[in-house]
Protein backbone atom coordinates (compact mmCIF):
# COMPACT_ATOMS: atom_id res chain seq x y z
CA MET A 1 0.07 0.19 0.06
CA ASN A 2 2.81 2.41 0.42
CA ARG A 3 6.71 1.98 -0.73
CA LYS A 4 9.82 3.72 -0.30
CA LEU A 5 11.94 4.11 -3.34
CA MET A 6 15.70 5.27 -3.77
CA LEU A 7 16.44 6.73 -7.17
CA SER A 8 19.46 7.19 -8.86
CA LYS A 9 19.95 10.47 -11.07
CA ASP A 10 17.80 10.62 -13.97
CA ALA A 11 15.79 7.38 -12.95
CA LEU A 12 12.06 7.71 -13.64
CA LEU A 13 9.55 7.82 -11.12
CA TRP A 14 6.63 8.34 -13.34
CA GLU A 15 6.22 8.80 -17.05
CA ALA A 16 3.59 11.17 -18.62
CA GLY A 17 0.45 9.10 -19.66
CA ASP A 18 1.06 6.41 -16.86
CA PRO A 19 -2.19 5.82 -14.68
CA ALA A 20 -2.29 7.99 -11.46
CA ARG A 21 -2.74 5.60 -8.48
CA ASN A 22 -0.38 6.94 -6.10
CA ILE A 23 0.85 10.16 -4.47
CA ALA A 24 4.54 10.53 -3.66
CA ILE A 25 6.44 12.54 -0.79
CA VAL A 26 9.84 13.56 -1.28
CA ASP A 27 11.98 12.44 1.64
CA GLN A 28 15.51 13.18 0.25
CA GLY A 29 16.83 14.71 -2.89
CA LYS A 30 14.97 16.47 -5.58
CA LEU A 31 12.68 15.36 -8.48
CA GLY A 32 12.37 17.00 -11.98
CA VAL A 33 9.11 17.59 -13.62
CA ARG A 34 9.08 17.45 -17.55
CA THR A 35 6.35 17.82 -19.92
CA GLU A 36 6.42 18.14 -23.89
CA LYS A 37 7.17 21.98 -23.07
CA GLY A 38 10.27 20.97 -21.39
CA ILE A 39 11.31 21.22 -17.59
CA ILE A 40 8.54 23.01 -15.74
CA GLY A 41 9.54 22.33 -12.15
CA GLN A 42 11.49 20.56 -9.52
CA VAL A 43 10.11 18.86 -6.16
CA LEU A 44 12.03 19.28 -3.03
CA PRO A 45 12.06 17.44 0.38
CA LYS A 46 8.93 17.39 2.23
CA MET A 47 6.72 18.35 -0.89
CA ILE A 48 4.14 16.09 -2.14
CA LEU A 49 3.01 15.34 -5.88
CA GLY A 50 0.57 13.25 -7.82
CA GLU A 51 -2.15 14.19 -5.64
CA THR A 52 -4.53 13.99 -8.47
CA ALA A 53 -4.49 10.21 -7.84
CA ILE A 54 -6.99 10.86 -5.02
CA PHE A 55 -9.83 11.25 -7.81
CA THR A 56 -9.26 7.33 -8.60
CA LEU A 57 -11.38 7.04 -5.35
CA GLU A 58 -14.11 8.92 -7.10
CA GLY A 59 -14.36 6.53 -10.28
CA GLN A 60 -12.04 8.89 -12.42
CA SER A 61 -9.22 7.47 -14.19
CA PRO A 62 -6.35 10.52 -13.99
CA ARG A 63 -3.00 10.03 -15.76
CA ARG A 64 0.26 11.41 -15.12
CA THR A 65 0.39 14.91 -17.07
CA ALA A 66 4.20 15.00 -16.78
CA THR A 67 7.27 12.67 -16.20
CA VAL A 68 8.91 12.89 -13.15
CA TYR A 69 12.53 11.77 -12.68
CA ALA A 70 15.37 12.07 -9.86
CA LEU A 71 17.69 15.07 -10.28
CA GLU A 72 20.17 13.67 -7.77
CA ASP A 73 21.71 10.34 -6.75
CA ASN A 74 20.13 8.87 -3.57
CA THR A 75 16.85 10.73 -4.09
CA VAL A 76 14.26 8.93 -1.84
CA VAL A 77 10.70 8.88 -2.56
CA THR A 78 7.79 7.36 -0.40
CA GLU A 79 4.64 6.50 -2.60
CA TYR A 80 1.27 6.04 -0.93
CA SER A 81 -1.84 4.47 -2.84
CA ALA A 82 -4.82 6.48 -3.05
CA VAL A 83 -6.81 3.70 -1.05
CA LEU A 84 -4.19 4.08 1.72
CA VAL A 85 -4.68 7.89 2.00
CA LYS A 86 -8.40 7.38 2.55
CA GLN A 87 -7.68 4.52 5.02
CA LEU A 88 -5.33 6.74 7.10
CA PHE A 89 -7.97 9.66 6.84
CA ASP A 90 -10.95 7.42 8.05
CA SER A 91 -8.74 6.07 10.88
CA GLY A 92 -7.93 9.74 12.06
CA ASP A 93 -4.26 9.46 11.23
CA PRO A 94 -3.12 13.04 10.23
CA SER A 95 0.09 12.10 8.57
CA ILE A 96 -0.92 12.49 5.00
CA THR A 97 -4.16 14.70 4.31
CA PRO A 98 -2.82 17.86 5.91
CA MET A 99 0.37 17.51 3.82
CA ILE A 100 -1.74 17.22 0.68
CA PHE A 101 -3.86 20.44 1.52
CA ASN A 102 -0.69 22.18 2.51
CA THR A 103 0.86 21.41 -0.87
CA ILE A 104 -2.19 22.77 -2.81
CA ILE A 105 -2.48 25.75 -0.55
CA SER A 106 1.15 26.57 -1.08
CA GLN A 107 0.93 26.11 -4.91
CA ILE A 108 -2.26 28.51 -4.87
CA GLY A 109 -0.17 31.01 -2.79
CA LYS A 110 2.67 30.80 -5.07
CA HIS A 111 0.60 31.54 -8.22
CA CYS A 112 -1.07 34.50 -6.47
CA VAL A 113 2.12 36.22 -5.47
CA LEU A 114 3.86 35.64 -8.87
CA ILE A 115 0.80 37.18 -10.51
CA ILE A 116 0.59 40.23 -7.98
CA SER A 117 4.50 40.82 -8.45
CA ALA A 118 4.19 40.70 -12.33
CA ASN A 119 1.39 43.25 -12.41
CA LYS A 120 2.48 46.00 -9.80
CA ASN A 121 0.93 48.63 -12.05
CA TYR A 122 -2.31 46.92 -12.42
CA THR A 123 -4.43 47.75 -9.39
CA VAL A 124 -7.32 45.36 -10.26
CA ILE A 125 -5.09 42.42 -10.69
CA GLN A 126 -3.30 43.25 -7.56
CA THR A 127 -6.42 43.68 -5.39
CA SER A 128 -8.07 40.62 -6.75
CA MET A 129 -5.17 38.33 -6.17
CA GLY A 130 -4.25 40.00 -2.75
CA GLU A 131 -7.53 39.32 -1.46
CA LEU A 132 -7.74 35.71 -2.75
CA LEU A 133 -4.32 35.15 -1.02
CA LYS A 134 -5.51 36.32 2.22
CA GLY A 135 -8.89 34.66 1.89
CA ILE A 136 -7.17 31.30 1.12
CA ALA A 137 -4.67 31.79 3.96
CA GLN A 138 -7.59 32.45 6.50
CA ALA A 139 -9.58 29.43 5.30
CA SER A 140 -6.53 26.94 5.67
CA ARG A 141 -6.96 27.39 9.35
CA GLU A 142 -10.32 25.56 8.95
CA LEU A 143 -8.75 22.40 7.28
CA PRO A 144 -8.00 20.78 10.39
CA SER A 145 -11.80 20.73 11.35
CA ILE A 146 -12.57 18.56 8.18
CA ARG A 147 -13.83 15.31 9.55
CA THR A 148 -15.38 13.26 6.82
CA TRP A 149 -14.27 12.19 3.48
CA ASP A 150 -16.96 13.88 1.70
CA ALA A 151 -15.88 17.17 3.24
CA PHE A 152 -12.21 16.32 2.32
CA ILE A 153 -12.90 15.51 -1.38
CA ARG A 154 -15.05 18.49 -1.97
CA THR A 155 -12.65 20.77 -0.38
CA PHE A 156 -9.79 19.08 -2.44
CA ARG A 157 -11.59 19.42 -5.77
CA PHE A 158 -12.40 22.98 -5.03
CA LEU A 159 -8.68 23.82 -4.12
CA CYS A 160 -7.31 21.76 -6.99
CA SER A 161 -9.53 23.80 -9.36
CA ILE A 162 -8.35 27.15 -7.98
CA ARG A 163 -4.66 26.03 -8.36
CA ASP A 164 -5.00 24.76 -11.84
CA ASN A 165 -6.60 27.86 -13.12
CA LEU A 166 -4.10 30.29 -11.37
CA SER A 167 -1.37 28.10 -12.87
CA GLY A 168 -2.02 28.99 -16.45
CA LEU A 169 -2.23 32.60 -15.42
CA SER A 170 1.14 32.74 -13.62
CA ASP A 171 3.06 30.72 -16.36
CA GLY A 172 2.15 33.48 -18.58
CA PHE A 173 4.18 35.66 -16.74
CA LEU A 174 7.21 33.75 -16.29
CA THR A 175 8.22 33.61 -19.93
CA ASN A 176 11.15 35.83 -19.83
CA SER A 177 13.82 34.16 -17.70
CA SER A 178 16.20 37.04 -17.59
CA GLU A 179 13.60 38.89 -15.35
CA LYS A 180 12.47 35.58 -13.63
CA ALA A 181 14.81 35.93 -10.43
CA ALA A 182 13.66 39.68 -9.73
CA LEU A 183 10.01 38.48 -9.85
CA VAL A 184 10.44 35.61 -7.85
CA ASP A 185 12.22 37.90 -5.22
CA ARG A 186 9.41 40.50 -5.41
CA ALA A 187 6.88 37.59 -4.85
CA SER A 188 8.77 36.58 -1.74
CA ALA A 189 8.56 39.97 -0.38
CA THR A 190 4.90 40.21 -1.50
CA ALA A 191 4.21 36.72 0.60
CA HIS A 192 6.04 38.16 3.69
CA GLU A 193 3.93 41.47 3.42
CA LEU A 194 0.50 40.22 2.88
CA LEU A 195 0.75 37.17 5.01
CA SER A 196 2.48 38.40 8.11
CA SER A 197 0.16 36.67 10.42
CA HIS A 198 0.49 33.44 8.61
CA GLY A 199 4.12 32.07 9.43
CA ASP A 200 3.84 28.51 8.40
CA MET A 201 2.34 29.56 5.01
CA VAL A 202 5.02 31.96 4.32
CA ALA A 203 7.63 29.50 5.06
CA ALA A 204 6.04 26.89 2.89
CA LEU A 205 5.89 29.68 0.02
CA ASP A 206 9.29 30.47 0.51
CA GLY A 207 10.31 27.05 -0.33
CA TYR A 208 8.31 26.80 -3.44
CA LEU A 209 9.44 30.08 -4.56
CA ARG A 210 13.29 29.13 -4.05
CA ALA A 211 12.43 25.95 -6.41
CA GLU A 212 11.12 28.16 -8.95
CA LYS A 213 13.82 30.66 -8.72
CA SER A 214 16.61 28.09 -9.05
CA LEU A 215 14.77 26.00 -11.89
CA ASP A 216 16.70 27.73 -14.68
CA ASP A 217 20.17 27.56 -12.93
CA TRP A 218 19.59 24.02 -12.16
CA PHE A 219 18.84 22.90 -15.76
CA GLU A 220 21.64 24.95 -17.26
CA ARG A 221 24.04 22.83 -15.45
């Protein structure tokens, strides 16, 4: 139901088009994420990926949208089946589902601050994204109160939809690699300014932004 994998550099974890049945947590090392557009991200320790496998429990048949592989030797990943995730949730074990929510919330936050930072002269965009960011941060404090699987899956689906829609918007502002580092630095400052009362979320966002900033440097090695 769960398994720990040690991957050598360039070894595949998943390939685009594979059935999505498991989620994974990076315990050590780094994973790269590649699509037909090229390298689009990296996953660092304590980050979760592949969470759309949860939808298999709703009768869907999701498939991997990207190829995932190790960027370093001795990269360690733990995979959990979607069935095990639900079993842990139903038993009251808090080890996995909070990490899933925290990952999605952090990804939403990352997209919000990138969009804000790329549109500093556009008040409507800044205000809209700022209010969304603060609202999501405040709502995240209610996540521990979720006790039923129906509430979990409905919230999960909602947050995934927000994240996926914001992803397309923020990606459009990251096309100029020469300005990317400065944009990510501004995004980090924005997170600290707007989320001063949400220290845990700011710390998580800093991790995702560091991964974003170092992406170009890593793959130019």
